[in-house]
Amino acid sequence: MRATPADHVAQNGFVVHTRGRGFTEITDKVGDVVAASGVHTGIAHVFSLHTSCSLLISENADPTVRDDLERWFARAVPDGDNIFRHDEEGPDDMPAHVRAILTGVSLMVPVHAGKAQLGTWQGIYLWEHRLDPHQRKITVTVLGH
């Protein structure tokens, strides 16, 4: 197969209103941007414009998977740990940044037949790492044919 440059690029975004720390599934919102892009085959780059939340692909069938992830991170990067000096916005400030760095603020998802191609049990999530609710901006850039 010969690689060819993308002849179509589309970019759009949306806002996610979080309820505070935890997961918000954004699979459908990303799918809507992909569908509206007109790209049949390509790739979607999903990007969070923030430093205290992250994006991930996780199992979408059993919510205990995400609960377990939250509990593991609470142990690995606890709020209020005295190792952190950056706490201007509270004890969850620096831990939220560490969590976002460890899990990432962007994803690449294949586009096939005009849809984001995910596995049977995969969903795209915004993971809010701050305790308080926030409005998070997401940009999706779709490249392909």
N, C-alpha and C. Protein backbone atom coordinates (compact mmCIF):
# COMPACT_ATOMS: atom_id res chain seq x y z
N MET A 1 0.84 -1.16 0.00
CA MET A 1 0.00 0.00 0.00
C MET A 1 0.89 1.23 0.00
N ARG A 2 0.58 2.17 -0.82
CA ARG A 2 1.34 3.41 -0.93
C ARG A 2 0.69 4.49 -0.07
N ALA A 3 1.48 5.16 0.73
CA ALA A 3 0.96 6.25 1.56
C ALA A 3 0.74 7.49 0.71
N THR A 4 -0.37 8.14 0.92
CA THR A 4 -0.67 9.40 0.24
C THR A 4 -1.05 10.44 1.29
N PRO A 5 -0.75 11.69 1.02
CA PRO A 5 -1.10 12.72 2.00
C PRO A 5 -2.61 12.87 2.13
N ALA A 6 -3.02 13.31 3.29
CA ALA A 6 -4.45 13.56 3.50
C ALA A 6 -4.90 14.67 2.57
N ASP A 7 -6.04 14.48 1.92
CA ASP A 7 -6.54 15.54 1.05
C ASP A 7 -7.70 16.28 1.68
N HIS A 8 -8.01 15.92 2.92
CA HIS A 8 -9.10 16.60 3.61
C HIS A 8 -8.74 16.74 5.09
N VAL A 9 -8.90 17.95 5.58
CA VAL A 9 -8.67 18.21 7.00
C VAL A 9 -9.87 18.98 7.52
N ALA A 10 -10.40 18.52 8.63
CA ALA A 10 -11.52 19.21 9.27
C ALA A 10 -11.21 19.33 10.76
N GLN A 11 -11.65 20.42 11.34
CA GLN A 11 -11.40 20.62 12.77
C GLN A 11 -12.62 21.25 13.40
N ASN A 12 -13.01 20.69 14.53
CA ASN A 12 -14.14 21.23 15.28
C ASN A 12 -13.94 20.86 16.74
N GLY A 13 -14.71 21.44 17.58
CA GLY A 13 -14.56 21.16 19.00
C GLY A 13 -15.89 21.17 19.72
N PHE A 14 -15.80 20.89 21.00
CA PHE A 14 -16.98 20.90 21.86
C PHE A 14 -16.53 21.11 23.29
N VAL A 15 -17.49 21.41 24.14
CA VAL A 15 -17.23 21.64 25.55
C VAL A 15 -17.84 20.49 26.35
N VAL A 16 -17.09 20.04 27.34
CA VAL A 16 -17.57 19.00 28.24
C VAL A 16 -17.75 19.63 29.62
N HIS A 17 -18.94 19.51 30.18
CA HIS A 17 -19.21 19.99 31.53
C HIS A 17 -19.03 18.82 32.49
N THR A 18 -18.00 18.89 33.32
CA THR A 18 -17.75 17.79 34.24
C THR A 18 -18.47 18.04 35.56
N ARG A 19 -18.61 17.00 36.33
CA ARG A 19 -19.23 17.09 37.66
C ARG A 19 -18.17 17.09 38.75
N GLY A 20 -16.93 17.27 38.37
CA GLY A 20 -15.82 17.11 39.29
C GLY A 20 -15.11 15.82 38.96
N ARG A 21 -14.22 15.42 39.83
CA ARG A 21 -13.37 14.25 39.56
C ARG A 21 -14.19 13.06 39.10
N GLY A 22 -13.73 12.47 38.02
CA GLY A 22 -14.39 11.30 37.47
C GLY A 22 -14.39 11.33 35.95
N PHE A 23 -15.10 10.39 35.37
CA PHE A 23 -15.09 10.17 33.93
C PHE A 23 -16.37 10.66 33.28
N THR A 24 -16.20 11.25 32.09
CA THR A 24 -17.33 11.64 31.25
C THR A 24 -17.09 11.02 29.88
N GLU A 25 -17.99 10.17 29.44
CA GLU A 25 -17.80 9.55 28.13
C GLU A 25 -18.08 10.58 27.03
N ILE A 26 -17.16 10.67 26.08
CA ILE A 26 -17.29 11.63 24.98
C ILE A 26 -17.26 10.92 23.61
N THR A 27 -17.45 9.61 23.61
CA THR A 27 -17.39 8.83 22.37
C THR A 27 -18.33 9.39 21.32
N ASP A 28 -19.57 9.65 21.70
CA ASP A 28 -20.57 10.14 20.73
C ASP A 28 -20.22 11.53 20.20
N LYS A 29 -19.70 12.39 21.07
CA LYS A 29 -19.34 13.75 20.63
C LYS A 29 -18.18 13.70 19.63
N VAL A 30 -17.18 12.86 19.92
CA VAL A 30 -16.08 12.69 18.98
C VAL A 30 -16.62 12.10 17.69
N GLY A 31 -17.49 11.11 17.79
CA GLY A 31 -18.08 10.50 16.61
C GLY A 31 -18.85 11.48 15.76
N ASP A 32 -19.54 12.42 16.39
CA ASP A 32 -20.28 13.45 15.64
C ASP A 32 -19.33 14.34 14.84
N VAL A 33 -18.21 14.72 15.46
CA VAL A 33 -17.23 15.55 14.75
C VAL A 33 -16.63 14.77 13.58
N VAL A 34 -16.32 13.51 13.80
CA VAL A 34 -15.77 12.68 12.72
C VAL A 34 -16.78 12.56 11.58
N ALA A 35 -18.02 12.26 11.90
CA ALA A 35 -19.05 12.10 10.87
C ALA A 35 -19.25 13.38 10.07
N ALA A 36 -19.23 14.52 10.74
CA ALA A 36 -19.42 15.81 10.06
C ALA A 36 -18.22 16.23 9.22
N SER A 37 -17.07 15.60 9.45
CA SER A 37 -15.83 16.00 8.77
C SER A 37 -15.82 15.65 7.29
N GLY A 38 -16.58 14.64 6.91
CA GLY A 38 -16.55 14.18 5.53
C GLY A 38 -15.41 13.23 5.22
N VAL A 39 -14.58 12.91 6.22
CA VAL A 39 -13.47 11.99 6.01
C VAL A 39 -13.99 10.56 6.07
N HIS A 40 -13.64 9.77 5.07
CA HIS A 40 -14.06 8.37 5.02
C HIS A 40 -13.01 7.46 5.66
N THR A 41 -11.74 7.71 5.33
CA THR A 41 -10.64 6.92 5.87
C THR A 41 -9.54 7.88 6.31
N GLY A 42 -9.11 7.73 7.56
CA GLY A 42 -8.07 8.63 8.04
C GLY A 42 -7.83 8.46 9.53
N ILE A 43 -7.62 9.59 10.18
CA ILE A 43 -7.32 9.57 11.60
C ILE A 43 -7.93 10.80 12.26
N ALA A 44 -8.38 10.61 13.50
CA ALA A 44 -8.90 11.73 14.29
C ALA A 44 -7.95 11.95 15.47
N HIS A 45 -7.54 13.18 15.62
CA HIS A 45 -6.71 13.57 16.76
C HIS A 45 -7.63 14.31 17.73
N VAL A 46 -7.73 13.81 18.95
CA VAL A 46 -8.60 14.39 19.97
C VAL A 46 -7.69 15.03 21.02
N PHE A 47 -7.92 16.31 21.32
CA PHE A 47 -6.99 17.07 22.17
C PHE A 47 -7.75 17.87 23.22
N SER A 48 -7.29 17.80 24.45
CA SER A 48 -7.83 18.60 25.55
C SER A 48 -6.98 19.85 25.71
N LEU A 49 -7.63 21.00 25.83
CA LEU A 49 -6.93 22.26 25.98
C LEU A 49 -6.70 22.60 27.46
N HIS A 50 -6.42 21.59 28.27
CA HIS A 50 -6.29 21.78 29.71
C HIS A 50 -5.15 20.94 30.27
N THR A 51 -4.68 21.30 31.47
CA THR A 51 -3.56 20.60 32.10
C THR A 51 -3.96 19.83 33.35
N SER A 52 -5.26 19.77 33.65
CA SER A 52 -5.67 19.06 34.86
C SER A 52 -6.83 18.10 34.59
N CYS A 53 -6.95 17.68 33.34
CA CYS A 53 -7.84 16.59 32.97
C CYS A 53 -7.12 15.82 31.87
N SER A 54 -7.61 14.65 31.55
CA SER A 54 -6.94 13.87 30.51
C SER A 54 -7.97 13.15 29.65
N LEU A 55 -7.47 12.55 28.59
CA LEU A 55 -8.30 11.78 27.67
C LEU A 55 -7.79 10.35 27.64
N LEU A 56 -8.71 9.41 27.57
CA LEU A 56 -8.28 8.02 27.46
C LEU A 56 -9.34 7.18 26.80
N ILE A 57 -8.89 6.07 26.28
CA ILE A 57 -9.79 5.04 25.75
C ILE A 57 -9.80 3.95 26.80
N SER A 58 -11.01 3.61 27.25
CA SER A 58 -11.15 2.62 28.30
C SER A 58 -12.37 1.75 28.00
N GLU A 59 -12.48 0.70 28.77
CA GLU A 59 -13.66 -0.16 28.66
C GLU A 59 -14.91 0.65 28.97
N ASN A 60 -15.95 0.47 28.15
CA ASN A 60 -17.18 1.22 28.36
C ASN A 60 -18.34 0.34 28.83
N ALA A 61 -18.08 -0.93 29.09
CA ALA A 61 -19.17 -1.83 29.50
C ALA A 61 -19.30 -1.92 31.01
N ASP A 62 -18.20 -1.95 31.71
CA ASP A 62 -18.23 -2.15 33.16
C ASP A 62 -17.64 -0.93 33.86
N PRO A 63 -18.47 -0.13 34.53
CA PRO A 63 -17.97 1.09 35.18
C PRO A 63 -16.99 0.83 36.32
N THR A 64 -16.92 -0.41 36.81
CA THR A 64 -15.96 -0.67 37.88
C THR A 64 -14.52 -0.56 37.39
N VAL A 65 -14.30 -0.70 36.06
CA VAL A 65 -12.96 -0.49 35.51
C VAL A 65 -12.52 0.94 35.80
N ARG A 66 -13.38 1.90 35.52
CA ARG A 66 -13.04 3.30 35.76
C ARG A 66 -12.97 3.60 37.26
N ASP A 67 -13.82 2.97 38.05
CA ASP A 67 -13.73 3.12 39.51
C ASP A 67 -12.39 2.63 40.03
N ASP A 68 -11.94 1.49 39.50
CA ASP A 68 -10.65 0.94 39.91
C ASP A 68 -9.50 1.87 39.52
N LEU A 69 -9.58 2.45 38.33
CA LEU A 69 -8.56 3.40 37.91
C LEU A 69 -8.51 4.60 38.86
N GLU A 70 -9.67 5.10 39.23
CA GLU A 70 -9.73 6.24 40.15
C GLU A 70 -9.12 5.89 41.51
N ARG A 71 -9.43 4.72 42.01
CA ARG A 71 -8.87 4.30 43.29
C ARG A 71 -7.35 4.12 43.22
N TRP A 72 -6.87 3.56 42.10
CA TRP A 72 -5.44 3.37 41.94
C TRP A 72 -4.72 4.72 41.92
N PHE A 73 -5.27 5.68 41.17
CA PHE A 73 -4.65 7.00 41.11
C PHE A 73 -4.73 7.73 42.44
N ALA A 74 -5.79 7.51 43.22
CA ALA A 74 -5.88 8.13 44.54
C ALA A 74 -4.74 7.65 45.43
N ARG A 75 -4.34 6.42 45.25
CA ARG A 75 -3.22 5.87 46.01
C ARG A 75 -1.88 6.35 45.44
N ALA A 76 -1.76 6.38 44.11
CA ALA A 76 -0.49 6.73 43.48
C ALA A 76 -0.18 8.22 43.55
N VAL A 77 -1.20 9.06 43.42
CA VAL A 77 -1.03 10.52 43.39
C VAL A 77 -2.09 11.13 44.31
N PRO A 78 -1.87 11.05 45.63
CA PRO A 78 -2.90 11.51 46.57
C PRO A 78 -2.99 13.04 46.65
N ASP A 79 -4.21 13.51 46.84
CA ASP A 79 -4.43 14.94 47.06
C ASP A 79 -3.75 15.34 48.37
N GLY A 80 -3.20 16.56 48.37
CA GLY A 80 -2.63 17.10 49.59
C GLY A 80 -1.29 16.52 49.99
N ASP A 81 -0.68 15.70 49.14
CA ASP A 81 0.62 15.12 49.48
C ASP A 81 1.62 16.26 49.69
N ASN A 82 2.34 16.23 50.80
CA ASN A 82 3.24 17.33 51.11
C ASN A 82 4.49 17.37 50.22
N ILE A 83 4.63 16.44 49.30
CA ILE A 83 5.71 16.50 48.33
C ILE A 83 5.49 17.64 47.34
N PHE A 84 4.23 18.03 47.15
CA PHE A 84 3.88 19.05 46.16
C PHE A 84 3.90 20.45 46.76
N ARG A 85 4.51 21.40 46.05
CA ARG A 85 4.50 22.80 46.47
C ARG A 85 3.46 23.60 45.71
N HIS A 86 3.12 23.19 44.49
CA HIS A 86 2.13 23.91 43.67
C HIS A 86 0.73 23.53 44.16
N ASP A 87 0.13 24.43 44.93
CA ASP A 87 -1.20 24.15 45.48
C ASP A 87 -2.06 25.41 45.53
N GLU A 88 -1.82 26.37 44.61
CA GLU A 88 -2.56 27.63 44.61
C GLU A 88 -4.06 27.44 44.54
N GLU A 89 -4.51 26.38 43.88
CA GLU A 89 -5.95 26.15 43.71
C GLU A 89 -6.46 25.04 44.61
N GLY A 90 -5.68 24.63 45.58
CA GLY A 90 -6.15 23.63 46.53
C GLY A 90 -5.30 22.37 46.51
N PRO A 91 -5.62 21.44 47.41
CA PRO A 91 -4.81 20.22 47.56
C PRO A 91 -4.89 19.28 46.36
N ASP A 92 -5.87 19.46 45.48
CA ASP A 92 -5.97 18.61 44.28
C ASP A 92 -5.29 19.23 43.07
N ASP A 93 -4.68 20.41 43.24
CA ASP A 93 -4.11 21.15 42.11
C ASP A 93 -2.96 20.39 41.44
N MET A 94 -1.87 20.20 42.14
CA MET A 94 -0.72 19.51 41.54
C MET A 94 -1.01 18.05 41.25
N PRO A 95 -1.70 17.33 42.12
CA PRO A 95 -2.04 15.95 41.76
C PRO A 95 -2.82 15.86 40.44
N ALA A 96 -3.68 16.83 40.17
CA ALA A 96 -4.41 16.83 38.90
C ALA A 96 -3.46 16.97 37.72
N HIS A 97 -2.46 17.83 37.85
CA HIS A 97 -1.47 17.98 36.78
C HIS A 97 -0.68 16.70 36.57
N VAL A 98 -0.25 16.07 37.64
CA VAL A 98 0.50 14.82 37.54
C VAL A 98 -0.35 13.74 36.86
N ARG A 99 -1.59 13.63 37.27
CA ARG A 99 -2.49 12.63 36.67
C ARG A 99 -2.65 12.86 35.18
N ALA A 100 -2.80 14.14 34.78
CA ALA A 100 -2.97 14.46 33.35
C ALA A 100 -1.70 14.12 32.57
N ILE A 101 -0.54 14.40 33.17
CA ILE A 101 0.72 14.10 32.49
C ILE A 101 0.88 12.58 32.32
N LEU A 102 0.53 11.83 33.34
CA LEU A 102 0.69 10.37 33.28
C LEU A 102 -0.28 9.71 32.30
N THR A 103 -1.46 10.27 32.14
CA THR A 103 -2.46 9.64 31.28
C THR A 103 -2.59 10.30 29.92
N GLY A 104 -2.20 11.56 29.78
CA GLY A 104 -2.17 12.20 28.47
C GLY A 104 -3.37 13.07 28.16
N VAL A 105 -3.12 14.09 27.34
CA VAL A 105 -4.17 15.04 26.98
C VAL A 105 -4.59 14.92 25.52
N SER A 106 -4.11 13.89 24.82
CA SER A 106 -4.54 13.71 23.44
C SER A 106 -4.60 12.23 23.08
N LEU A 107 -5.39 11.95 22.06
CA LEU A 107 -5.57 10.58 21.55
C LEU A 107 -5.59 10.61 20.03
N MET A 108 -5.21 9.52 19.43
CA MET A 108 -5.36 9.32 17.99
C MET A 108 -6.29 8.12 17.80
N VAL A 109 -7.30 8.32 16.97
CA VAL A 109 -8.29 7.26 16.73
C VAL A 109 -8.41 7.07 15.21
N PRO A 110 -8.32 5.84 14.72
CA PRO A 110 -8.50 5.62 13.28
C PRO A 110 -9.93 5.96 12.85
N VAL A 111 -10.04 6.43 11.63
CA VAL A 111 -11.35 6.68 11.02
C VAL A 111 -11.51 5.70 9.87
N HIS A 112 -12.60 4.96 9.89
CA HIS A 112 -12.89 3.97 8.85
C HIS A 112 -14.37 4.07 8.51
N ALA A 113 -14.67 4.12 7.22
CA ALA A 113 -16.05 4.23 6.74
C ALA A 113 -16.77 5.44 7.36
N GLY A 114 -16.02 6.52 7.57
CA GLY A 114 -16.61 7.75 8.09
C GLY A 114 -16.90 7.75 9.57
N LYS A 115 -16.39 6.76 10.29
CA LYS A 115 -16.66 6.65 11.73
C LYS A 115 -15.36 6.44 12.50
N ALA A 116 -15.36 6.91 13.75
CA ALA A 116 -14.23 6.62 14.63
C ALA A 116 -14.23 5.12 14.88
N GLN A 117 -13.12 4.47 14.61
CA GLN A 117 -13.04 3.02 14.74
C GLN A 117 -12.55 2.66 16.13
N LEU A 118 -13.44 2.10 16.91
CA LEU A 118 -13.13 1.65 18.26
C LEU A 118 -13.49 0.19 18.40
N GLY A 119 -12.85 -0.47 19.36
CA GLY A 119 -13.18 -1.86 19.65
C GLY A 119 -14.54 -1.98 20.30
N THR A 120 -15.03 -3.21 20.37
CA THR A 120 -16.37 -3.48 20.88
C THR A 120 -16.61 -2.87 22.25
N TRP A 121 -15.66 -2.94 23.14
CA TRP A 121 -15.86 -2.47 24.51
C TRP A 121 -15.10 -1.19 24.81
N GLN A 122 -14.70 -0.45 23.77
CA GLN A 122 -13.94 0.77 23.99
C GLN A 122 -14.82 2.01 23.93
N GLY A 123 -14.52 2.95 24.80
CA GLY A 123 -15.15 4.26 24.78
C GLY A 123 -14.09 5.32 25.00
N ILE A 124 -14.37 6.53 24.52
CA ILE A 124 -13.46 7.65 24.71
C ILE A 124 -13.97 8.46 25.89
N TYR A 125 -13.06 8.76 26.83
CA TYR A 125 -13.44 9.44 28.06
C TYR A 125 -12.59 10.67 28.32
N LEU A 126 -13.22 11.69 28.86
CA LEU A 126 -12.50 12.77 29.50
C LEU A 126 -12.46 12.42 30.98
N TRP A 127 -11.27 12.44 31.53
CA TRP A 127 -11.09 12.11 32.95
C TRP A 127 -10.77 13.40 33.68
N GLU A 128 -11.73 13.90 34.41
CA GLU A 128 -11.54 15.12 35.21
C GLU A 128 -10.76 14.75 36.46
N HIS A 129 -9.66 15.47 36.69
CA HIS A 129 -8.82 15.19 37.85
C HIS A 129 -9.01 16.19 38.98
N ARG A 130 -9.76 17.25 38.75
CA ARG A 130 -10.03 18.23 39.80
C ARG A 130 -11.30 17.81 40.54
N LEU A 131 -11.40 18.22 41.79
CA LEU A 131 -12.57 17.85 42.60
C LEU A 131 -13.82 18.62 42.21
N ASP A 132 -13.65 19.87 41.81
CA ASP A 132 -14.80 20.72 41.45
C ASP A 132 -15.18 20.54 39.99
N PRO A 133 -16.43 20.84 39.65
CA PRO A 133 -16.87 20.80 38.25
C PRO A 133 -16.10 21.82 37.40
N HIS A 134 -15.90 21.48 36.14
CA HIS A 134 -15.22 22.37 35.20
C HIS A 134 -15.86 22.27 33.82
N GLN A 135 -15.61 23.28 33.00
CA GLN A 135 -15.95 23.22 31.58
C GLN A 135 -14.65 22.97 30.84
N ARG A 136 -14.60 21.88 30.10
CA ARG A 136 -13.38 21.48 29.41
C ARG A 136 -13.59 21.57 27.90
N LYS A 137 -12.63 22.19 27.21
CA LYS A 137 -12.69 22.34 25.77
C LYS A 137 -11.89 21.23 25.10
N ILE A 138 -12.53 20.62 24.12
CA ILE A 138 -11.90 19.54 23.35
C ILE A 138 -11.88 19.94 21.89
N THR A 139 -10.73 19.74 21.22
CA THR A 139 -10.61 19.97 19.78
C THR A 139 -10.36 18.63 19.11
N VAL A 140 -11.10 18.40 18.03
CA VAL A 140 -10.94 17.18 17.23
C VAL A 140 -10.51 17.61 15.83
N THR A 141 -9.37 17.09 15.39
CA THR A 141 -8.87 17.35 14.04
C THR A 141 -8.91 16.02 13.29
N VAL A 142 -9.59 16.03 12.16
CA VAL A 142 -9.76 14.80 11.37
C VAL A 142 -9.03 14.99 10.04
N LEU A 143 -8.16 14.03 9.72
CA LEU A 143 -7.37 14.06 8.49
C LEU A 143 -7.62 12.79 7.70
N GLY A 144 -7.74 12.93 6.41
CA GLY A 144 -7.90 11.73 5.59
C GLY A 144 -8.54 12.00 4.25
N HIS A 145 -9.19 11.00 3.75
CA HIS A 145 -9.81 11.06 2.42
C HIS A 145 -11.30 10.79 2.54
